[in-house]
C-alpha atoms as a PDB file:
ATOM      1  CA  MET A   1     139.829  84.641  72.680  1.00  0.00           C
ATOM      2  CA  ILE A   2     137.944  84.637  75.956  1.00  0.00           C
ATOM      3  CA  TYR A   3     139.855  83.033  78.836  1.00  0.00           C
ATOM      4  CA  GLN A   4     138.455  79.541  78.243  1.00  0.00           C
ATOM      5  CA  SER A   5     135.186  80.133  80.096  1.00  0.00           C
ATOM      6  CA  PHE A   6     133.599  81.774  83.111  1.00  0.00           C
ATOM      7  CA  ALA A   7     133.901  78.378  84.764  1.00  0.00           C
ATOM      8  CA  GLN A   8     137.684  78.619  84.497  1.00  0.00           C
ATOM      9  CA  PHE A   9     137.624  82.087  86.020  1.00  0.00           C
ATOM     10  CA  TYR A  10     135.516  80.953  88.988  1.00  0.00           C
ATOM     11  CA  ASP A  11     137.782  77.999  89.538  1.00  0.00           C
ATOM     12  CA  ASP A  12     140.895  80.153  89.540  1.00  0.00           C
ATOM     13  CA  LEU A  13     139.478  82.744  91.940  1.00  0.00           C
ATOM     14  CA  PHE A  14     137.849  80.431  94.464  1.00  0.00           C
ATOM     15  CA  ASP A  15     139.714  80.061  97.754  1.00  0.00           C
ATOM     16  CA  GLU A  16     141.171  76.534  97.708  1.00  0.00           C
ATOM     17  CA  HIS A  17     141.373  76.577 101.511  1.00  0.00           C
ATOM     18  CA  LEU A  18     137.571  76.362 101.659  1.00  0.00           C
ATOM     19  CA  TYR A  19     137.636  73.002  99.878  1.00  0.00           C
ATOM     20  CA  GLU A  20     140.012  71.712 102.523  1.00  0.00           C
ATOM     21  CA  GLU A  21     137.584  72.944 105.189  1.00  0.00           C
ATOM     22  CA  TRP A  22     134.692  71.105 103.515  1.00  0.00           C
ATOM     23  CA  ALA A  23     136.804  67.965 103.167  1.00  0.00           C
ATOM     24  CA  ASN A  24     137.667  68.095 106.871  1.00  0.00           C
ATOM     25  CA  TYR A  25     133.995  68.572 107.726  1.00  0.00           C
ATOM     26  CA  VAL A  26     133.156  65.477 105.675  1.00  0.00           C
ATOM     27  CA  GLU A  27     135.834  63.438 107.446  1.00  0.00           C
ATOM     28  CA  LYS A  28     134.494  64.379 110.862  1.00  0.00           C
ATOM     29  CA  HIS A  29     130.791  63.926 110.143  1.00  0.00           C
ATOM     30  CA  ARG A  30     130.514  61.065 107.644  1.00  0.00           C
ATOM     31  CA  SER A  31     129.106  57.694 108.635  1.00  0.00           C
ATOM     32  CA  GLU A  32     131.477  54.867 109.455  1.00  0.00           C
ATOM     33  CA  ASN A  33     132.548  52.702 106.519  1.00  0.00           C
ATOM     34  CA  THR A  34     131.710  55.410 103.991  1.00  0.00           C
ATOM     35  CA  LYS A  35     133.042  54.448 100.568  1.00  0.00           C
ATOM     36  CA  GLN A  36     130.728  55.772  97.851  1.00  0.00           C
ATOM     37  CA  VAL A  37     130.277  59.574  97.736  1.00  0.00           C
ATOM     38  CA  LEU A  38     128.043  61.739  95.548  1.00  0.00           C
ATOM     39  CA  ASP A  39     128.989  65.431  95.477  1.00  0.00           C
ATOM     40  CA  LEU A  40     126.022  67.488  94.237  1.00  0.00           C
ATOM     41  CA  ALA A  41     126.866  70.675  92.340  1.00  0.00           C
ATOM     42  CA  GLY A  42     130.465  69.534  92.648  1.00  0.00           C
ATOM     43  CA  GLY A  43     131.577  71.925  89.932  1.00  0.00           C
ATOM     44  CA  ALA A  44     135.237  71.816  89.019  1.00  0.00           C
ATOM     45  CA  GLY A  45     135.804  68.794  91.244  1.00  0.00           C
ATOM     46  CA  ARG A  46     138.092  70.397  93.795  1.00  0.00           C
ATOM     47  CA  LEU A  47     136.335  68.763  96.735  1.00  0.00           C
ATOM     48  CA  GLY A  48     135.821  65.544  94.801  1.00  0.00           C
ATOM     49  CA  VAL A  49     139.547  65.264  94.128  1.00  0.00           C
ATOM     50  CA  LEU A  50     140.388  65.822  97.804  1.00  0.00           C
ATOM     51  CA  LEU A  51     137.951  63.096  98.830  1.00  0.00           C
ATOM     52  CA  ALA A  52     139.214  60.739  96.121  1.00  0.00           C
ATOM     53  CA  GLN A  53     142.730  61.258  97.432  1.00  0.00           C
ATOM     54  CA  LYS A  54     141.471  60.039 100.813  1.00  0.00           C
ATOM     55  CA  GLY A  55     140.321  56.808  99.204  1.00  0.00           C
ATOM     56  CA  TYR A  56     136.634  57.466  98.560  1.00  0.00           C
ATOM     57  CA  SER A  57     134.921  56.586  95.291  1.00  0.00           C
ATOM     58  CA  VAL A  58     133.498  59.945  94.236  1.00  0.00           C
ATOM     59  CA  CYS A  59     130.886  61.018  91.707  1.00  0.00           C
ATOM     60  CA  ASP A  60     130.889  64.719  90.827  1.00  0.00           C
ATOM     61  CA  LEU A  61     127.439  65.821  89.614  1.00  0.00           C
ATOM     62  CA  ASP A  62     127.001  69.269  88.124  1.00  0.00           C
ATOM     63  CA  PHE A  63     124.688  71.014  85.658  1.00  0.00           C
ATOM     64  CA  SER A  64     127.604  72.734  83.863  1.00  0.00           C
ATOM     65  CA  GLU A  65     129.589  70.779  81.289  1.00  0.00           C
ATOM     66  CA  ASP A  66     132.301  73.453  81.448  1.00  0.00           C
ATOM     67  CA  MET A  67     132.744  72.819  85.167  1.00  0.00           C
ATOM     68  CA  LEU A  68     132.896  69.073  84.627  1.00  0.00           C
ATOM     69  CA  THR A  69     135.570  69.541  81.965  1.00  0.00           C
ATOM     70  CA  LEU A  70     137.664  71.322  84.582  1.00  0.00           C
ATOM     71  CA  ALA A  71     136.883  68.559  87.077  1.00  0.00           C
ATOM     72  CA  GLN A  72     138.293  65.975  84.697  1.00  0.00           C
ATOM     73  CA  ALA A  73     141.440  68.066  84.267  1.00  0.00           C
ATOM     74  CA  HIS A  74     141.906  68.344  88.050  1.00  0.00           C
ATOM     75  CA  ALA A  75     141.351  64.616  88.487  1.00  0.00           C
ATOM     76  CA  ASP A  76     143.872  63.826  85.763  1.00  0.00           C
ATOM     77  CA  ALA A  77     146.426  66.204  87.263  1.00  0.00           C
ATOM     78  CA  SER A  78     145.999  64.584  90.681  1.00  0.00           C
ATOM     79  CA  GLN A  79     145.928  61.081  89.185  1.00  0.00           C
ATOM     80  CA  VAL A  80     142.712  60.066  90.936  1.00  0.00           C
ATOM     81  CA  PRO A  81     139.522  58.579  89.479  1.00  0.00           C
ATOM     82  CA  LEU A  82     136.481  60.852  89.470  1.00  0.00           C
ATOM     83  CA  LYS A  83     133.143  59.894  87.946  1.00  0.00           C
ATOM     84  CA  LEU A  84     131.446  62.838  86.247  1.00  0.00           C
ATOM     85  CA  VAL A  85     127.697  63.242  85.708  1.00  0.00           C
ATOM     86  CA  CYS A  86     126.019  66.220  84.036  1.00  0.00           C
ATOM     87  CA  ALA A  87     122.576  66.515  85.632  1.00  0.00           C
ATOM     88  CA  ASP A  88     120.201  68.664  87.670  1.00  0.00           C
ATOM     89  CA  MET A  89     120.367  68.082  91.425  1.00  0.00           C
ATOM     90  CA  THR A  90     116.562  67.826  91.529  1.00  0.00           C
ATOM     91  CA  ASP A  91     116.578  64.834  89.178  1.00  0.00           C
ATOM     92  CA  LEU A  92     118.986  62.033  90.110  1.00  0.00           C
ATOM     93  CA  LYS A  93     117.306  59.220  88.236  1.00  0.00           C
ATOM     94  CA  GLY A  94     119.706  56.638  86.861  1.00  0.00           C
ATOM     95  CA  LEU A  95     122.191  57.068  89.679  1.00  0.00           C
ATOM     96  CA  GLY A  96     123.019  54.336  92.151  1.00  0.00           C
ATOM     97  CA  GLN A  97     123.164  54.202  95.940  1.00  0.00           C
ATOM     98  CA  TYR A  98     125.703  56.103  98.019  1.00  0.00           C
ATOM     99  CA  ASP A  99     126.994  56.091 101.572  1.00  0.00           C
ATOM    100  CA  LEU A 100     127.315  59.869 101.590  1.00  0.00           C
ATOM    101  CA  VAL A 101     125.898  62.781  99.593  1.00  0.00           C
ATOM    102  CA  THR A 102     127.377  66.264  99.899  1.00  0.00           C
ATOM    103  CA  CYS A 103     126.209  69.658  98.619  1.00  0.00           C
ATOM    104  CA  PHE A 104     128.283  72.671  99.621  1.00  0.00           C
ATOM    105  CA  ALA A 105     129.058  76.271  98.619  1.00  0.00           C
ATOM    106  CA  ASP A 106     125.385  77.254  99.206  1.00  0.00           C
ATOM    107  CA  SER A 107     124.397  75.402  96.020  1.00  0.00           C
ATOM    108  CA  LEU A 108     120.910  74.667  97.357  1.00  0.00           C
ATOM    109  CA  ASN A 109     120.358  78.413  97.728  1.00  0.00           C
ATOM    110  CA  TYR A 110     120.476  78.704  93.943  1.00  0.00           C
ATOM    111  CA  LEU A 111     117.318  76.642  93.509  1.00  0.00           C
ATOM    112  CA  GLU A 112     114.217  78.705  92.795  1.00  0.00           C
ATOM    113  CA  ASN A 113     112.112  77.929  95.845  1.00  0.00           C
ATOM    114  CA  ILE A 114     111.744  75.739  98.916  1.00  0.00           C
ATOM    115  CA  ASP A 115     109.750  73.183  96.902  1.00  0.00           C
ATOM    116  CA  GLN A 116     112.775  72.576  94.681  1.00  0.00           C
ATOM    117  CA  VAL A 117     114.999  72.366  97.743  1.00  0.00           C
ATOM    118  CA  THR A 118     112.676  69.740  99.212  1.00  0.00           C
ATOM    119  CA  GLU A 119     112.550  67.873  95.906  1.00  0.00           C
ATOM    120  CA  SER A 120     116.331  67.737  95.763  1.00  0.00           C
ATOM    121  CA  MET A 121     116.478  66.427  99.330  1.00  0.00           C
ATOM    122  CA  GLN A 122     113.912  63.754  98.497  1.00  0.00           C
ATOM    123  CA  GLN A 123     116.075  62.663  95.570  1.00  0.00           C
ATOM    124  CA  VAL A 124     119.096  62.501  97.853  1.00  0.00           C
ATOM    125  CA  TYR A 125     117.197  60.389 100.366  1.00  0.00           C
ATOM    126  CA  GLN A 126     116.260  57.881  97.665  1.00  0.00           C
ATOM    127  CA  HIS A 127     119.890  57.464  96.639  1.00  0.00           C
ATOM    128  CA  LEU A 128     121.333  57.051 100.138  1.00  0.00           C
ATOM    129  CA  ARG A 129     121.901  53.698 101.755  1.00  0.00           C
ATOM    130  CA  ILE A 130     120.439  53.079 105.206  1.00  0.00           C
ATOM    131  CA  GLY A 131     122.714  54.769 107.732  1.00  0.00           C
ATOM    132  CA  GLY A 132     124.123  57.087 105.064  1.00  0.00           C
ATOM    133  CA  LYS A 133     124.390  60.837 105.559  1.00  0.00           C
ATOM    134  CA  PHE A 134     123.558  63.966 103.638  1.00  0.00           C
ATOM    135  CA  LEU A 135     125.948  66.823 104.485  1.00  0.00           C
ATOM    136  CA  PHE A 136     125.192  70.273 103.087  1.00  0.00           C
ATOM    137  CA  ASP A 137     125.433  73.959 103.822  1.00  0.00           C
ATOM    138  CA  MET A 138     123.187  76.939 103.089  1.00  0.00           C
ATOM    139  CA  ILE A 139     123.637  80.660 103.538  1.00  0.00           C
ATOM    140  CA  THR A 140     121.288  82.240 106.060  1.00  0.00           C
ATOM    141  CA  PRO A 141     118.839  85.162 105.969  1.00  0.00           C
ATOM    142  CA  TYR A 142     121.429  87.148 107.903  1.00  0.00           C
ATOM    143  CA  GLN A 143     123.831  86.686 104.975  1.00  0.00           C
ATOM    144  CA  THR A 144     121.295  87.700 102.314  1.00  0.00           C
ATOM    145  CA  ASP A 145     119.614  90.514 104.253  1.00  0.00           C
ATOM    146  CA  VAL A 146     122.536  92.079 106.134  1.00  0.00           C
ATOM    147  CA  VAL A 147     125.885  91.036 104.684  1.00  0.00           C
ATOM    148  CA  TYR A 148     125.279  90.918 100.931  1.00  0.00           C
ATOM    149  CA  PRO A 149     123.314  94.119 100.180  1.00  0.00           C
ATOM    150  CA  GLY A 150     125.872  96.681  99.024  1.00  0.00           C
ATOM    151  CA  TYR A 151     128.681  94.123  98.967  1.00  0.00           C
ATOM    152  CA  MET A 152     131.398  94.698  96.349  1.00  0.00           C
ATOM    153  CA  TYR A 153     134.544  92.807  95.438  1.00  0.00           C
ATOM    154  CA  ASN A 154     137.057  93.757  92.750  1.00  0.00           C
ATOM    155  CA  TYR A 155     140.035  91.742  91.551  1.00  0.00           C
ATOM    156  CA  GLU A 156     142.800  92.132  88.980  1.00  0.00           C
ATOM    157  CA  ASP A 157     145.485  89.523  88.531  1.00  0.00           C
ATOM    158  CA  PRO A 158     149.140  90.621  88.855  1.00  0.00           C
ATOM    159  CA  ASP A 159     149.891  90.449  85.124  1.00  0.00           C
ATOM    160  CA  GLY A 160     146.829  92.476  84.173  1.00  0.00           C
ATOM    161  CA  GLN A 161     145.356  89.755  82.004  1.00  0.00           C
ATOM    162  CA  ARG A 162     142.059  89.427  83.851  1.00  0.00           C
ATOM    163  CA  ALA A 163     139.831  91.532  86.058  1.00  0.00           C
ATOM    164  CA  PHE A 164     136.658  90.753  87.955  1.00  0.00           C
ATOM    165  CA  MET A 165     133.958  92.916  89.554  1.00  0.00           C
ATOM    166  CA  TRP A 166     131.254  91.507  91.841  1.00  0.00           C
ATOM    167  CA  SER A 167     128.351  93.560  93.204  1.00  0.00           C
ATOM    168  CA  SER A 168     125.462  92.240  95.301  1.00  0.00           C
ATOM    169  CA  TYR A 169     122.124  93.782  96.151  1.00  0.00           C
ATOM    170  CA  GLN A 170     118.897  92.656  97.755  1.00  0.00           C
ATOM    171  CA  TYR A 171     116.089  91.389  95.537  1.00  0.00           C
ATOM    172  CA  ASP A 172     113.064  93.044  97.084  1.00  0.00           C
ATOM    173  CA  ASP A 173     110.493  90.880  95.262  1.00  0.00           C
ATOM    174  CA  VAL A 174     111.664  87.681  96.979  1.00  0.00           C
ATOM    175  CA  PRO A 175     112.080  87.251 100.740  1.00  0.00           C
ATOM    176  CA  HIS A 176     115.774  86.805 101.571  1.00  0.00           C
ATOM    177  CA  GLY A 177     116.624  87.079  97.871  1.00  0.00           C
ATOM    178  CA  VAL A 178     119.906  88.484  96.595  1.00  0.00           C
ATOM    179  CA  ILE A 179     121.264  89.258  93.137  1.00  0.00           C
ATOM    180  CA  HIS A 180     124.942  89.087  92.226  1.00  0.00           C
ATOM    181  CA  ASP A 181     126.121  91.039  89.186  1.00  0.00           C
ATOM    182  CA  LEU A 182     129.427  89.649  87.915  1.00  0.00           C
ATOM    183  CA  THR A 183     131.591  91.325  85.280  1.00  0.00           C
ATOM    184  CA  PHE A 184     134.731  89.788  83.801  1.00  0.00           C
ATOM    185  CA  PHE A 185     137.438  91.346  81.646  1.00  0.00           C
ATOM    186  CA  TYR A 186     139.860  89.208  79.650  1.00  0.00           C
ATOM    187  CA  ARG A 187     142.872  90.659  77.860  1.00  0.00           C
ATOM    188  CA  GLN A 188     143.129  89.398  74.285  1.00  0.00           C
ATOM    189  CA  ASN A 189     146.217  88.890  72.150  1.00  0.00           C
ATOM    190  CA  ASN A 190     145.767  92.339  70.557  1.00  0.00           C
ATOM    191  CA  GLY A 191     145.940  93.982  73.984  1.00  0.00           C
ATOM    192  CA  LEU A 192     142.252  94.883  74.096  1.00  0.00           C
ATOM    193  CA  TYR A 193     139.941  93.537  76.776  1.00  0.00           C
ATOM    194  CA  ARG A 194     136.829  91.500  76.184  1.00  0.00           C
ATOM    195  CA  ARG A 195     133.980  91.982  78.626  1.00  0.00           C
ATOM    196  CA  GLY A 196     131.580  89.304  79.855  1.00  0.00           C
ATOM    197  CA  THR A 197     128.747  89.481  82.373  1.00  0.00           C
ATOM    198  CA  GLU A 198     126.624  87.100  84.404  1.00  0.00           C
ATOM    199  CA  THR A 199     123.811  87.659  86.878  1.00  0.00           C
ATOM    200  CA  HIS A 200     123.252  85.129  89.655  1.00  0.00           C
ATOM    201  CA  PHE A 201     120.253  84.871  91.950  1.00  0.00           C
ATOM    202  CA  GLU A 202     120.087  83.018  95.234  1.00  0.00           C
ATOM    203  CA  ARG A 203     117.822  83.057  98.236  1.00  0.00           C
ATOM    204  CA  ALA A 204     117.858  81.988 101.855  1.00  0.00           C
ATOM    205  CA  TYR A 205     115.102  80.471 103.957  1.00  0.00           C
ATOM    206  CA  GLY A 206     114.208  80.465 107.606  1.00  0.00           C
ATOM    207  CA  LEU A 207     115.781  77.712 109.639  1.00  0.00           C
ATOM    208  CA  ALA A 208     112.387  76.167 110.388  1.00  0.00           C
ATOM    209  CA  SER A 209     111.598  75.914 106.655  1.00  0.00           C
ATOM    210  CA  VAL A 210     114.882  74.174 105.836  1.00  0.00           C
ATOM    211  CA  THR A 211     114.524  71.809 108.794  1.00  0.00           C
ATOM    212  CA  GLN A 212     110.998  70.929 107.679  1.00  0.00           C
ATOM    213  CA  ALA A 213     112.266  70.240 104.147  1.00  0.00           C
ATOM    214  CA  VAL A 214     114.935  67.916 105.550  1.00  0.00           C
ATOM    215  CA  GLN A 215     112.495  65.964 107.675  1.00  0.00           C
ATOM    216  CA  SER A 216     109.754  65.814 105.055  1.00  0.00           C
ATOM    217  CA  ALA A 217     112.307  64.193 102.752  1.00  0.00           C
ATOM    218  CA  GLY A 218     112.605  61.378 105.318  1.00  0.00           C
ATOM    219  CA  PHE A 219     115.715  62.298 107.265  1.00  0.00           C
ATOM    220  CA  ASN A 220     115.978  62.386 111.026  1.00  0.00           C
ATOM    221  CA  LYS A 221     116.210  65.718 112.818  1.00  0.00           C
ATOM    222  CA  PRO A 222     119.387  67.362 111.477  1.00  0.00           C
ATOM    223  CA  VAL A 223     122.377  68.482 113.491  1.00  0.00           C
ATOM    224  CA  ILE A 224     122.916  72.138 112.588  1.00  0.00           C
ATOM    225  CA  THR A 225     126.160  74.006 113.228  1.00  0.00           C
ATOM    226  CA  SER A 226     128.233  76.907 111.911  1.00  0.00           C
ATOM    227  CA  ASP A 227     131.868  77.420 110.910  1.00  0.00           C
ATOM    228  CA  PHE A 228     132.286  74.000 109.305  1.00  0.00           C
ATOM    229  CA  GLY A 229     130.782  72.256 112.299  1.00  0.00           C
ATOM    230  CA  GLN A 230     133.013  73.951 114.850  1.00  0.00           C
ATOM    231  CA  HIS A 231     130.482  76.194 116.617  1.00  0.00           C
ATOM    232  CA  PRO A 232     126.780  76.389 117.453  1.00  0.00           C
ATOM    233  CA  ILE A 233     124.573  78.641 115.361  1.00  0.00           C
ATOM    234  CA  SER A 234     123.466  82.143 116.367  1.00  0.00           C
ATOM    235  CA  ASP A 235     121.243  84.866 114.950  1.00  0.00           C
ATOM    236  CA  LYS A 236     124.320  86.220 113.113  1.00  0.00           C
ATOM    237  CA  THR A 237     125.415  82.939 111.555  1.00  0.00           C
ATOM    238  CA  THR A 238     126.076  83.454 107.845  1.00  0.00           C
ATOM    239  CA  ARG A 239     126.197  79.787 106.798  1.00  0.00           C
ATOM    240  CA  TRP A 240     124.474  76.780 108.348  1.00  0.00           C
ATOM    241  CA  PHE A 241     125.952  73.285 108.139  1.00  0.00           C
ATOM    242  CA  PHE A 242     123.488  70.392 108.174  1.00  0.00           C
ATOM    243  CA  GLU A 243     124.228  66.799 109.100  1.00  0.00           C
ATOM    244  CA  CYS A 244     121.308  64.549 108.141  1.00  0.00           C
ATOM    245  CA  GLN A 245     121.102  60.762 108.398  1.00  0.00           C
ATOM    246  CA  LYS A 246     118.867  58.188 106.712  1.00  0.00           C
ATOM    247  CA  VAL A 247     117.884  55.871 109.535  1.00  0.00           C
ATOM    248  CA  ASP A 248     115.415  53.538 107.773  1.00  0.00           C
END
């Protein structure tokens, strides 16, 4: 039997320290009196649980039911409430109003084009209260064009039950596009391994294009930083952090 799902594998391999970094970024850059939080592409709920533990009312929205199943398990284990919504981040109809919307782990880079990115930001704007903030990150063209091409990562857990291979290469047909080939091996009860594969595509955009998308959605001029808000950006920044506020 396959090891529950690819979602479970991702959740197990992801560096939990990064969720703490995102949670700290939220604490430092949220608006005052923030209570209601919507975490877009919140996946397995790791960040949502951390924020719920700090007293926020959190909604975890994700397109994957498998990820949301894991999110419920994490919430139950931590004994915190976590609202779960299975939906596309470009269509938030039916949701309420929030003091804060977050979208991390370069989730916006997985949308097909800048029009979809803008559409998602417009949806966020409509579901933010006046004074509320939209905090998100995106990988940069430096990451897609310089760092990722030729990148490889291999992993095998200590008991030999699972293995993972990740290879990235540039997608020449799309500016700043990158393809990730992921291969998983799961050891079955008979000792044989079952193989599974996934291919992920993401793309980066120029800073001017993302800034225009933010402002065309209705937000004020964003504050853009790197390293979870700790440093200014440079031409070698791999991930931008955006702090956007709805002022009217």
